[in-house]
Amino acid sequence: MSYVKYKVPENLQKAIKTAVTSIAEARESKIRKGMNEVTKSIERGTAKFIIMAEDVSPPEILFHVPMLCDEKKIPYAYLKTKKDIGTVAKINVGSSAISIESFGQGNDKVLDDIIKKVKELNK
């Protein structure tokens, strides 16, 4: 059994990458990186959107994250690799997951359409 609950289409993954890159470049944005920070962000209720890598090994590391997100009604999506997540979050290493806590000025609506599509996939 895996923590990946649904497959994110390539075009939606590209849209997520573009949106998160824009958010990461915004001055007032806040992105938590890594499984521990993401878990804290979800439990505190500060997370607005979670992105997880599909290639995390062992998969048990992220097994609890989709369940927590469903419980707290926080949208989440997947990107193919940890490297993809590290790249869009503007860090020099791969990351198993990131949590977007604030979008930064001018990015409030960047993820709205993506979140709607992700919620449809997660049904």
N, C-alpha and C. Protein backbone atom coordinates (compact mmCIF):
# COMPACT_ATOMS: atom_id res chain seq x y z
N MET A 1 0.84 -1.19 0.00
CA MET A 1 0.00 0.00 0.00
C MET A 1 0.89 1.25 0.00
N SER A 2 0.43 2.26 -0.70
CA SER A 2 1.24 3.45 -0.88
C SER A 2 0.53 4.69 -0.36
N TYR A 3 1.28 5.72 -0.12
CA TYR A 3 0.71 7.00 0.31
C TYR A 3 0.19 7.81 -0.88
N VAL A 4 0.54 7.40 -2.11
CA VAL A 4 0.07 8.10 -3.31
C VAL A 4 -1.36 7.65 -3.58
N LYS A 5 -2.32 8.55 -3.34
CA LYS A 5 -3.74 8.20 -3.41
C LYS A 5 -4.31 8.33 -4.82
N TYR A 6 -3.70 9.17 -5.65
CA TYR A 6 -4.17 9.37 -7.02
C TYR A 6 -3.02 9.85 -7.89
N LYS A 7 -3.18 9.70 -9.19
CA LYS A 7 -2.15 10.11 -10.15
C LYS A 7 -2.45 11.52 -10.63
N VAL A 8 -1.44 12.39 -10.56
CA VAL A 8 -1.58 13.77 -11.03
C VAL A 8 -1.12 13.81 -12.49
N PRO A 9 -2.00 14.25 -13.41
CA PRO A 9 -1.61 14.31 -14.83
C PRO A 9 -0.42 15.25 -15.05
N GLU A 10 0.34 14.99 -16.12
CA GLU A 10 1.54 15.78 -16.43
C GLU A 10 1.25 17.27 -16.54
N ASN A 11 0.15 17.63 -17.24
CA ASN A 11 -0.13 19.06 -17.42
C ASN A 11 -0.44 19.75 -16.09
N LEU A 12 -1.07 19.04 -15.17
CA LEU A 12 -1.35 19.61 -13.86
C LEU A 12 -0.06 19.70 -13.03
N GLN A 13 0.83 18.73 -13.17
CA GLN A 13 2.12 18.80 -12.49
C GLN A 13 2.91 20.02 -12.96
N LYS A 14 2.87 20.30 -14.27
CA LYS A 14 3.56 21.48 -14.80
C LYS A 14 2.96 22.75 -14.22
N ALA A 15 1.63 22.80 -14.12
CA ALA A 15 0.96 23.98 -13.56
C ALA A 15 1.33 24.17 -12.09
N ILE A 16 1.42 23.06 -11.35
CA ILE A 16 1.81 23.13 -9.94
C ILE A 16 3.24 23.66 -9.82
N LYS A 17 4.14 23.14 -10.65
CA LYS A 17 5.54 23.58 -10.62
C LYS A 17 5.64 25.08 -10.89
N THR A 18 4.91 25.56 -11.89
CA THR A 18 4.93 26.98 -12.24
C THR A 18 4.40 27.83 -11.09
N ALA A 19 3.28 27.40 -10.51
CA ALA A 19 2.66 28.16 -9.42
C ALA A 19 3.56 28.19 -8.19
N VAL A 20 4.12 27.06 -7.82
CA VAL A 20 4.96 27.01 -6.62
C VAL A 20 6.25 27.80 -6.83
N THR A 21 6.80 27.78 -8.03
CA THR A 21 7.99 28.59 -8.32
C THR A 21 7.68 30.06 -8.12
N SER A 22 6.52 30.49 -8.61
CA SER A 22 6.10 31.88 -8.45
C SER A 22 5.92 32.23 -6.98
N ILE A 23 5.34 31.33 -6.22
CA ILE A 23 5.14 31.55 -4.78
C ILE A 23 6.49 31.60 -4.07
N ALA A 24 7.39 30.69 -4.41
CA ALA A 24 8.71 30.64 -3.75
C ALA A 24 9.51 31.91 -4.01
N GLU A 25 9.28 32.54 -5.14
CA GLU A 25 10.00 33.78 -5.48
C GLU A 25 9.41 35.01 -4.80
N ALA A 26 8.16 34.89 -4.31
CA ALA A 26 7.51 36.03 -3.65
C ALA A 26 8.16 36.28 -2.29
N ARG A 27 8.32 37.52 -1.97
CA ARG A 27 9.04 37.89 -0.76
C ARG A 27 8.33 37.46 0.52
N GLU A 28 7.02 37.62 0.59
CA GLU A 28 6.29 37.33 1.83
C GLU A 28 5.77 35.90 1.91
N SER A 29 6.11 35.08 0.94
CA SER A 29 5.61 33.70 0.96
C SER A 29 6.29 32.90 2.07
N LYS A 30 5.61 31.83 2.48
CA LYS A 30 6.20 30.95 3.49
C LYS A 30 5.98 29.50 3.06
N ILE A 31 7.08 28.80 2.85
CA ILE A 31 7.04 27.40 2.44
C ILE A 31 7.84 26.59 3.44
N ARG A 32 7.20 25.58 4.03
CA ARG A 32 7.89 24.66 4.94
C ARG A 32 8.39 23.48 4.12
N LYS A 33 9.63 23.06 4.38
CA LYS A 33 10.25 21.99 3.60
C LYS A 33 10.58 20.79 4.48
N GLY A 34 10.32 19.61 3.95
CA GLY A 34 10.65 18.38 4.67
C GLY A 34 9.45 17.82 5.40
N MET A 35 9.51 16.53 5.63
CA MET A 35 8.37 15.81 6.22
C MET A 35 8.01 16.31 7.61
N ASN A 36 9.00 16.55 8.47
CA ASN A 36 8.70 16.99 9.84
C ASN A 36 8.02 18.36 9.85
N GLU A 37 8.55 19.30 9.07
CA GLU A 37 7.96 20.64 9.01
C GLU A 37 6.56 20.60 8.42
N VAL A 38 6.37 19.77 7.40
CA VAL A 38 5.05 19.64 6.77
C VAL A 38 4.04 19.08 7.76
N THR A 39 4.44 18.06 8.51
CA THR A 39 3.55 17.48 9.50
C THR A 39 3.14 18.51 10.55
N LYS A 40 4.10 19.28 11.04
CA LYS A 40 3.79 20.33 12.02
C LYS A 40 2.84 21.36 11.43
N SER A 41 3.07 21.74 10.19
CA SER A 41 2.25 22.74 9.52
C SER A 41 0.80 22.26 9.39
N ILE A 42 0.63 20.99 9.08
CA ILE A 42 -0.72 20.42 8.96
C ILE A 42 -1.39 20.38 10.33
N GLU A 43 -0.68 19.87 11.32
CA GLU A 43 -1.27 19.74 12.66
C GLU A 43 -1.62 21.09 13.28
N ARG A 44 -0.84 22.11 12.98
CA ARG A 44 -1.12 23.46 13.50
C ARG A 44 -2.22 24.17 12.72
N GLY A 45 -2.57 23.63 11.56
CA GLY A 45 -3.62 24.23 10.75
C GLY A 45 -3.15 25.43 9.93
N THR A 46 -1.85 25.59 9.75
CA THR A 46 -1.33 26.73 9.00
C THR A 46 -1.10 26.40 7.52
N ALA A 47 -1.12 25.12 7.15
CA ALA A 47 -0.88 24.71 5.77
C ALA A 47 -2.08 25.04 4.89
N LYS A 48 -1.79 25.56 3.70
CA LYS A 48 -2.84 25.85 2.73
C LYS A 48 -2.82 24.86 1.57
N PHE A 49 -1.64 24.29 1.29
CA PHE A 49 -1.48 23.33 0.19
C PHE A 49 -0.23 22.51 0.45
N ILE A 50 -0.33 21.19 0.27
CA ILE A 50 0.77 20.26 0.51
C ILE A 50 1.16 19.61 -0.82
N ILE A 51 2.47 19.49 -1.05
CA ILE A 51 2.96 18.79 -2.22
C ILE A 51 3.95 17.73 -1.76
N MET A 52 3.73 16.49 -2.21
CA MET A 52 4.59 15.37 -1.83
C MET A 52 5.24 14.76 -3.06
N ALA A 53 6.40 14.16 -2.87
CA ALA A 53 7.10 13.47 -3.96
C ALA A 53 6.59 12.03 -4.04
N GLU A 54 6.55 11.50 -5.25
CA GLU A 54 6.12 10.11 -5.45
C GLU A 54 7.25 9.12 -5.23
N ASP A 55 8.49 9.59 -5.22
CA ASP A 55 9.64 8.68 -5.16
C ASP A 55 10.30 8.59 -3.78
N VAL A 56 9.54 8.84 -2.73
CA VAL A 56 10.09 8.80 -1.38
C VAL A 56 10.33 7.35 -0.96
N SER A 57 11.48 7.11 -0.38
CA SER A 57 11.81 5.76 0.06
C SER A 57 12.38 5.83 1.47
N PRO A 58 11.90 5.06 2.39
CA PRO A 58 10.74 4.18 2.31
C PRO A 58 9.44 4.98 2.31
N PRO A 59 8.41 4.46 1.67
CA PRO A 59 7.15 5.20 1.55
C PRO A 59 6.44 5.46 2.89
N GLU A 60 6.79 4.70 3.91
CA GLU A 60 6.16 4.87 5.22
C GLU A 60 6.41 6.26 5.80
N ILE A 61 7.47 6.93 5.32
CA ILE A 61 7.80 8.25 5.82
C ILE A 61 6.62 9.22 5.64
N LEU A 62 5.95 9.13 4.49
CA LEU A 62 4.86 10.05 4.18
C LEU A 62 3.48 9.42 4.30
N PHE A 63 3.42 8.21 4.81
CA PHE A 63 2.14 7.49 4.84
C PHE A 63 1.05 8.25 5.59
N HIS A 64 1.41 8.98 6.64
CA HIS A 64 0.42 9.66 7.46
C HIS A 64 -0.04 11.00 6.89
N VAL A 65 0.71 11.58 5.97
CA VAL A 65 0.42 12.94 5.49
C VAL A 65 -0.93 13.03 4.76
N PRO A 66 -1.25 12.17 3.78
CA PRO A 66 -2.57 12.28 3.14
C PRO A 66 -3.73 12.11 4.13
N MET A 67 -3.55 11.24 5.12
CA MET A 67 -4.61 11.05 6.12
C MET A 67 -4.81 12.32 6.95
N LEU A 68 -3.71 12.94 7.38
CA LEU A 68 -3.81 14.19 8.13
C LEU A 68 -4.45 15.29 7.28
N CYS A 69 -4.05 15.37 6.01
CA CYS A 69 -4.62 16.38 5.12
C CYS A 69 -6.12 16.18 4.95
N ASP A 70 -6.55 14.93 4.76
CA ASP A 70 -7.98 14.65 4.62
C ASP A 70 -8.74 15.04 5.89
N GLU A 71 -8.14 14.73 7.03
CA GLU A 71 -8.77 15.05 8.31
C GLU A 71 -8.92 16.56 8.50
N LYS A 72 -7.89 17.32 8.12
CA LYS A 72 -7.89 18.78 8.31
C LYS A 72 -8.43 19.52 7.09
N LYS A 73 -8.84 18.76 6.04
CA LYS A 73 -9.37 19.33 4.80
C LYS A 73 -8.38 20.27 4.11
N ILE A 74 -7.13 19.83 4.03
CA ILE A 74 -6.07 20.58 3.36
C ILE A 74 -5.79 19.88 2.02
N PRO A 75 -5.86 20.62 0.91
CA PRO A 75 -5.60 20.00 -0.39
C PRO A 75 -4.14 19.59 -0.53
N TYR A 76 -3.90 18.50 -1.26
CA TYR A 76 -2.54 18.02 -1.48
C TYR A 76 -2.41 17.43 -2.87
N ALA A 77 -1.18 17.43 -3.36
CA ALA A 77 -0.89 16.88 -4.68
C ALA A 77 0.48 16.21 -4.65
N TYR A 78 0.83 15.60 -5.77
CA TYR A 78 2.09 14.88 -5.87
C TYR A 78 2.88 15.37 -7.08
N LEU A 79 4.19 15.43 -6.93
CA LEU A 79 5.09 15.61 -8.06
C LEU A 79 5.93 14.34 -8.16
N LYS A 80 6.48 14.09 -9.33
CA LYS A 80 7.18 12.83 -9.58
C LYS A 80 8.38 12.59 -8.66
N THR A 81 9.22 13.61 -8.48
CA THR A 81 10.47 13.37 -7.75
C THR A 81 10.72 14.38 -6.64
N LYS A 82 11.55 13.98 -5.70
CA LYS A 82 11.98 14.89 -4.62
C LYS A 82 12.76 16.05 -5.22
N LYS A 83 13.52 15.79 -6.26
CA LYS A 83 14.30 16.84 -6.92
C LYS A 83 13.37 17.91 -7.50
N ASP A 84 12.25 17.50 -8.09
CA ASP A 84 11.27 18.46 -8.62
C ASP A 84 10.79 19.40 -7.51
N ILE A 85 10.49 18.84 -6.36
CA ILE A 85 9.99 19.64 -5.24
C ILE A 85 11.08 20.60 -4.76
N GLY A 86 12.30 20.11 -4.63
CA GLY A 86 13.40 20.97 -4.21
C GLY A 86 13.62 22.11 -5.19
N THR A 87 13.53 21.82 -6.47
CA THR A 87 13.73 22.84 -7.50
C THR A 87 12.66 23.93 -7.42
N VAL A 88 11.39 23.56 -7.35
CA VAL A 88 10.32 24.58 -7.32
C VAL A 88 10.30 25.35 -6.00
N ALA A 89 10.79 24.73 -4.92
CA ALA A 89 10.83 25.41 -3.63
C ALA A 89 12.09 26.26 -3.45
N LYS A 90 12.94 26.26 -4.49
CA LYS A 90 14.16 27.08 -4.49
C LYS A 90 15.16 26.64 -3.41
N ILE A 91 15.30 25.33 -3.23
CA ILE A 91 16.34 24.80 -2.35
C ILE A 91 17.25 23.92 -3.20
N ASN A 92 18.47 23.73 -2.78
CA ASN A 92 19.45 23.02 -3.59
C ASN A 92 19.44 21.51 -3.42
N VAL A 93 18.52 21.00 -2.64
CA VAL A 93 18.42 19.55 -2.44
C VAL A 93 16.98 19.12 -2.67
N GLY A 94 16.78 17.82 -2.84
CA GLY A 94 15.43 17.30 -2.98
C GLY A 94 14.70 17.35 -1.64
N SER A 95 13.38 17.36 -1.70
CA SER A 95 12.57 17.37 -0.49
C SER A 95 11.41 16.40 -0.66
N SER A 96 11.12 15.65 0.39
CA SER A 96 10.04 14.67 0.29
C SER A 96 8.67 15.34 0.23
N ALA A 97 8.56 16.53 0.85
CA ALA A 97 7.27 17.23 0.85
C ALA A 97 7.50 18.70 1.19
N ILE A 98 6.54 19.53 0.75
CA ILE A 98 6.54 20.94 1.15
C ILE A 98 5.12 21.34 1.52
N SER A 99 5.04 22.34 2.38
CA SER A 99 3.77 22.90 2.79
C SER A 99 3.79 24.39 2.49
N ILE A 100 2.80 24.85 1.76
CA ILE A 100 2.70 26.28 1.48
C ILE A 100 1.79 26.88 2.55
N GLU A 101 2.35 27.79 3.35
CA GLU A 101 1.59 28.43 4.43
C GLU A 101 1.07 29.80 4.03
N SER A 102 1.85 30.54 3.24
CA SER A 102 1.35 31.81 2.71
C SER A 102 1.88 31.98 1.30
N PHE A 103 1.04 32.56 0.46
CA PHE A 103 1.34 32.64 -0.96
C PHE A 103 2.22 33.83 -1.34
N GLY A 104 2.29 34.84 -0.49
CA GLY A 104 3.04 36.04 -0.82
C GLY A 104 2.18 37.01 -1.60
N GLN A 105 2.58 38.25 -1.61
CA GLN A 105 1.80 39.30 -2.24
C GLN A 105 1.65 39.05 -3.74
N GLY A 106 0.42 39.16 -4.22
CA GLY A 106 0.14 38.98 -5.64
C GLY A 106 -0.07 37.54 -6.07
N ASN A 107 0.11 36.60 -5.19
CA ASN A 107 -0.04 35.18 -5.56
C ASN A 107 -1.27 34.53 -4.93
N ASP A 108 -2.17 35.34 -4.39
CA ASP A 108 -3.32 34.79 -3.68
C ASP A 108 -4.14 33.83 -4.52
N LYS A 109 -4.30 34.14 -5.80
CA LYS A 109 -5.18 33.34 -6.66
C LYS A 109 -4.43 32.34 -7.54
N VAL A 110 -3.11 32.28 -7.40
CA VAL A 110 -2.28 31.44 -8.27
C VAL A 110 -2.69 29.97 -8.19
N LEU A 111 -2.97 29.48 -7.01
CA LEU A 111 -3.26 28.05 -6.83
C LEU A 111 -4.75 27.71 -6.85
N ASP A 112 -5.64 28.70 -6.94
CA ASP A 112 -7.08 28.43 -6.87
C ASP A 112 -7.54 27.37 -7.87
N ASP A 113 -7.20 27.56 -9.14
CA ASP A 113 -7.62 26.63 -10.18
C ASP A 113 -6.98 25.25 -9.97
N ILE A 114 -5.72 25.25 -9.58
CA ILE A 114 -5.00 23.99 -9.34
C ILE A 114 -5.64 23.22 -8.19
N ILE A 115 -5.98 23.93 -7.11
CA ILE A 115 -6.60 23.28 -5.95
C ILE A 115 -7.95 22.68 -6.33
N LYS A 116 -8.71 23.37 -7.16
CA LYS A 116 -10.00 22.82 -7.62
C LYS A 116 -9.80 21.52 -8.39
N LYS A 117 -8.81 21.52 -9.29
CA LYS A 117 -8.54 20.31 -10.09
C LYS A 117 -8.04 19.17 -9.20
N VAL A 118 -7.19 19.49 -8.23
CA VAL A 118 -6.66 18.48 -7.31
C VAL A 118 -7.78 17.86 -6.48
N LYS A 119 -8.71 18.69 -6.01
CA LYS A 119 -9.84 18.18 -5.23
C LYS A 119 -10.70 17.23 -6.07
N GLU A 120 -10.84 17.52 -7.37
CA GLU A 120 -11.59 16.62 -8.25
C GLU A 120 -10.89 15.27 -8.39
N LEU A 121 -9.56 15.29 -8.49
CA LEU A 121 -8.80 14.04 -8.61
C LEU A 121 -8.89 13.20 -7.33
N ASN A 122 -9.01 13.88 -6.19
CA ASN A 122 -8.97 13.20 -4.90
C ASN A 122 -10.30 12.61 -4.48
N LYS A 123 -11.32 12.77 -5.30
CA LYS A 123 -12.65 12.23 -4.92
C LYS A 123 -12.76 10.75 -5.11
